[in-house]
């Protein structure tokens, strides 16, 4: 078998529609498997409730306004 005969057989095998179809199918399958392996689900963000924010802010403001029972403007 000469090189030209081997080349002709390889050419007919490589350009066969079944070989091309299977090659594309395998590549798509491997790409999908790589996507599944690398997939990371985004962490869920917890929603901040408005009642929790409102309840926390008045307490923080009242602590700041108290200074040993004395007002800043008084001399007593």
N, C-alpha and C. Protein backbone atom coordinates (compact mmCIF):
# COMPACT_ATOMS: atom_id res chain seq x y z
N UNK A 1 0.85 -1.17 0.00
CA UNK A 1 0.00 0.00 0.00
C UNK A 1 0.90 1.23 0.00
N UNK A 2 0.71 2.08 -0.96
CA UNK A 2 1.55 3.27 -1.08
C UNK A 2 0.96 4.42 -0.26
N UNK A 3 1.75 5.45 -0.17
CA UNK A 3 1.33 6.62 0.59
C UNK A 3 0.09 7.28 -0.01
N UNK A 4 0.00 7.31 -1.31
CA UNK A 4 -1.15 7.94 -1.96
C UNK A 4 -2.45 7.17 -1.67
N UNK A 5 -2.36 5.84 -1.58
CA UNK A 5 -3.53 5.05 -1.25
C UNK A 5 -3.97 5.28 0.21
N UNK A 6 -3.00 5.33 1.11
CA UNK A 6 -3.29 5.59 2.52
C UNK A 6 -3.90 6.98 2.67
N UNK A 7 -3.35 7.94 1.97
CA UNK A 7 -3.86 9.30 2.02
C UNK A 7 -5.29 9.37 1.50
N UNK A 8 -5.60 8.65 0.48
CA UNK A 8 -6.96 8.64 -0.09
C UNK A 8 -7.95 8.01 0.90
N UNK A 9 -7.54 6.94 1.56
CA UNK A 9 -8.41 6.30 2.55
C UNK A 9 -8.64 7.23 3.74
N UNK A 10 -7.57 7.85 4.24
CA UNK A 10 -7.70 8.80 5.36
C UNK A 10 -8.59 9.97 5.01
N UNK A 11 -8.45 10.46 3.80
CA UNK A 11 -9.28 11.59 3.35
C UNK A 11 -10.75 11.18 3.31
N UNK A 12 -11.02 10.00 2.81
CA UNK A 12 -12.42 9.57 2.73
C UNK A 12 -12.99 9.30 4.13
N UNK A 13 -12.18 8.85 5.05
CA UNK A 13 -12.66 8.61 6.42
C UNK A 13 -12.89 9.92 7.15
N UNK A 14 -11.94 10.86 7.06
CA UNK A 14 -12.04 12.12 7.79
C UNK A 14 -13.21 12.97 7.30
N UNK A 15 -13.47 12.97 6.01
CA UNK A 15 -14.53 13.81 5.46
C UNK A 15 -15.88 13.11 5.37
N UNK A 16 -16.00 11.94 5.97
CA UNK A 16 -17.28 11.25 6.02
C UNK A 16 -18.20 12.01 6.97
N UNK A 17 -19.49 12.14 6.65
CA UNK A 17 -20.41 12.94 7.44
C UNK A 17 -20.62 12.36 8.84
N UNK A 18 -20.53 11.04 8.97
CA UNK A 18 -20.71 10.42 10.28
C UNK A 18 -19.54 10.75 11.22
N UNK A 19 -18.33 10.77 10.69
CA UNK A 19 -17.16 11.10 11.50
C UNK A 19 -17.22 12.56 11.94
N UNK A 20 -17.60 13.44 11.03
CA UNK A 20 -17.71 14.87 11.36
C UNK A 20 -18.80 15.08 12.40
N UNK A 21 -19.95 14.43 12.24
CA UNK A 21 -21.05 14.57 13.20
C UNK A 21 -20.65 14.07 14.58
N UNK A 22 -20.03 12.91 14.67
CA UNK A 22 -19.61 12.35 15.96
C UNK A 22 -18.55 13.22 16.61
N UNK A 23 -17.62 13.77 15.83
CA UNK A 23 -16.58 14.65 16.36
C UNK A 23 -17.20 15.90 16.98
N UNK A 24 -18.13 16.52 16.29
CA UNK A 24 -18.79 17.72 16.81
C UNK A 24 -19.60 17.38 18.06
N UNK A 25 -20.30 16.25 18.05
CA UNK A 25 -21.09 15.83 19.21
C UNK A 25 -20.21 15.59 20.43
N UNK A 26 -19.08 14.95 20.25
CA UNK A 26 -18.16 14.68 21.36
C UNK A 26 -17.58 15.99 21.90
N UNK A 27 -17.22 16.90 21.03
CA UNK A 27 -16.68 18.18 21.49
C UNK A 27 -17.72 18.99 22.28
N UNK A 28 -18.97 19.00 21.80
CA UNK A 28 -20.02 19.69 22.55
C UNK A 28 -20.28 19.04 23.90
N UNK A 29 -20.25 17.72 23.94
CA UNK A 29 -20.44 17.00 25.19
C UNK A 29 -19.32 17.31 26.18
N UNK A 30 -18.09 17.31 25.73
CA UNK A 30 -16.95 17.61 26.60
C UNK A 30 -17.01 19.06 27.09
N UNK A 31 -17.45 19.97 26.23
CA UNK A 31 -17.59 21.36 26.63
C UNK A 31 -18.66 21.51 27.71
N UNK A 32 -19.76 20.78 27.56
CA UNK A 32 -20.81 20.81 28.57
C UNK A 32 -20.33 20.24 29.89
N UNK A 33 -19.58 19.15 29.85
CA UNK A 33 -19.04 18.55 31.07
C UNK A 33 -18.08 19.52 31.76
N UNK A 34 -17.25 20.21 31.02
CA UNK A 34 -16.34 21.20 31.62
C UNK A 34 -17.12 22.35 32.25
N UNK A 35 -18.22 22.76 31.63
CA UNK A 35 -19.07 23.82 32.20
C UNK A 35 -19.69 23.37 33.52
N UNK A 36 -20.17 22.14 33.56
CA UNK A 36 -20.79 21.63 34.78
C UNK A 36 -19.77 21.52 35.91
N UNK A 37 -18.56 21.11 35.59
CA UNK A 37 -17.52 20.97 36.61
C UNK A 37 -17.14 22.33 37.17
N UNK A 38 -17.05 23.35 36.34
CA UNK A 38 -16.61 24.68 36.78
C UNK A 38 -17.74 25.55 37.31
N UNK A 39 -18.98 25.09 37.20
CA UNK A 39 -20.13 25.91 37.57
C UNK A 39 -20.13 26.16 39.07
N UNK A 40 -20.25 27.41 39.46
CA UNK A 40 -20.37 27.80 40.87
C UNK A 40 -21.65 28.59 41.03
N UNK A 41 -22.49 28.17 41.93
CA UNK A 41 -23.74 28.89 42.17
C UNK A 41 -23.42 30.14 42.97
N UNK A 42 -24.02 31.25 42.57
CA UNK A 42 -23.81 32.50 43.28
C UNK A 42 -24.47 32.40 44.65
N UNK A 43 -23.80 32.91 45.68
CA UNK A 43 -24.42 32.85 47.00
C UNK A 43 -25.66 33.73 47.06
N UNK A 44 -26.65 33.24 47.76
CA UNK A 44 -27.90 33.98 47.88
C UNK A 44 -27.70 35.16 48.81
N UNK A 45 -28.16 36.31 48.39
CA UNK A 45 -28.08 37.50 49.23
C UNK A 45 -29.31 37.54 50.12
N UNK A 46 -29.07 37.78 51.40
CA UNK A 46 -30.20 37.88 52.31
C UNK A 46 -30.77 39.28 52.20
N UNK A 47 -32.08 39.34 52.10
CA UNK A 47 -32.74 40.63 51.97
C UNK A 47 -32.75 41.33 53.32
N UNK A 48 -32.40 42.61 53.33
CA UNK A 48 -32.43 43.39 54.55
C UNK A 48 -33.86 43.85 54.77
N UNK A 49 -34.40 43.49 55.89
CA UNK A 49 -35.78 43.87 56.19
C UNK A 49 -35.81 45.30 56.71
N UNK A 50 -36.78 46.05 56.28
CA UNK A 50 -36.89 47.46 56.67
C UNK A 50 -37.16 47.58 58.16
N UNK A 51 -37.89 46.65 58.75
CA UNK A 51 -38.18 46.73 60.18
C UNK A 51 -36.92 46.53 61.00
N UNK A 52 -36.02 45.67 60.55
CA UNK A 52 -34.78 45.45 61.29
C UNK A 52 -33.89 46.68 61.23
N UNK A 53 -33.87 47.35 60.10
CA UNK A 53 -33.05 48.55 59.95
C UNK A 53 -33.64 49.68 60.79
N UNK A 54 -34.95 49.85 60.78
CA UNK A 54 -35.59 50.90 61.56
C UNK A 54 -35.43 50.65 63.05
N UNK A 55 -35.50 49.41 63.48
CA UNK A 55 -35.38 49.09 64.89
C UNK A 55 -33.95 49.31 65.37
N UNK A 56 -32.97 49.09 64.55
CA UNK A 56 -31.58 49.24 64.95
C UNK A 56 -31.16 50.70 64.96
N UNK A 57 -31.68 51.51 64.07
CA UNK A 57 -31.22 52.90 63.98
C UNK A 57 -31.68 53.78 65.15
N UNK A 58 -32.89 53.69 65.72
CA UNK A 58 -33.23 54.53 66.87
C UNK A 58 -32.40 54.18 68.10
N UNK A 59 -32.08 52.93 68.28
CA UNK A 59 -31.27 52.53 69.43
C UNK A 59 -29.86 53.11 69.31
N UNK A 60 -29.34 53.12 68.11
CA UNK A 60 -28.00 53.68 67.91
C UNK A 60 -28.01 55.18 68.12
N UNK A 61 -29.06 55.86 67.73
CA UNK A 61 -29.14 57.31 67.90
C UNK A 61 -29.32 57.68 69.38
N UNK A 62 -30.07 56.90 70.14
CA UNK A 62 -30.28 57.22 71.55
C UNK A 62 -29.00 57.03 72.35
N UNK A 63 -28.16 56.08 71.99
CA UNK A 63 -26.89 55.89 72.69
C UNK A 63 -25.95 57.05 72.44
N UNK A 64 -25.99 57.63 71.28
CA UNK A 64 -25.11 58.74 70.94
C UNK A 64 -25.56 60.02 71.65
N UNK A 65 -26.86 60.21 71.84
CA UNK A 65 -27.35 61.45 72.42
C UNK A 65 -27.19 61.50 73.94
N UNK A 66 -26.97 60.39 74.59
CA UNK A 66 -26.81 60.39 76.05
C UNK A 66 -25.33 60.57 76.39
N UNK A 67 -25.04 61.63 77.20
CA UNK A 67 -23.67 61.90 77.65
C UNK A 67 -23.69 62.10 79.16
N UNK A 68 -23.63 61.07 79.91
CA UNK A 68 -23.60 61.09 81.38
C UNK A 68 -24.74 61.92 81.98
N UNK A 69 -25.85 62.03 81.33
CA UNK A 69 -26.99 62.74 81.86
C UNK A 69 -26.89 64.25 81.76
N UNK A 70 -25.83 64.82 81.27
CA UNK A 70 -25.64 66.26 81.14
C UNK A 70 -25.76 66.67 79.69
N UNK A 71 -26.37 67.82 79.48
CA UNK A 71 -26.43 68.38 78.14
C UNK A 71 -25.10 69.09 77.86
N UNK A 72 -24.76 69.24 76.63
CA UNK A 72 -23.50 69.90 76.28
C UNK A 72 -23.53 71.40 76.62
N UNK A 73 -24.68 72.01 76.52
CA UNK A 73 -24.80 73.44 76.75
C UNK A 73 -24.92 73.84 78.22
N UNK A 74 -25.19 72.92 79.11
CA UNK A 74 -25.42 73.27 80.52
C UNK A 74 -24.10 73.27 81.29
N UNK A 75 -24.04 74.12 82.32
CA UNK A 75 -22.85 74.22 83.15
C UNK A 75 -23.03 73.50 84.49
N UNK A 76 -24.10 72.86 84.69
CA UNK A 76 -24.38 72.22 85.97
C UNK A 76 -23.59 71.02 86.16
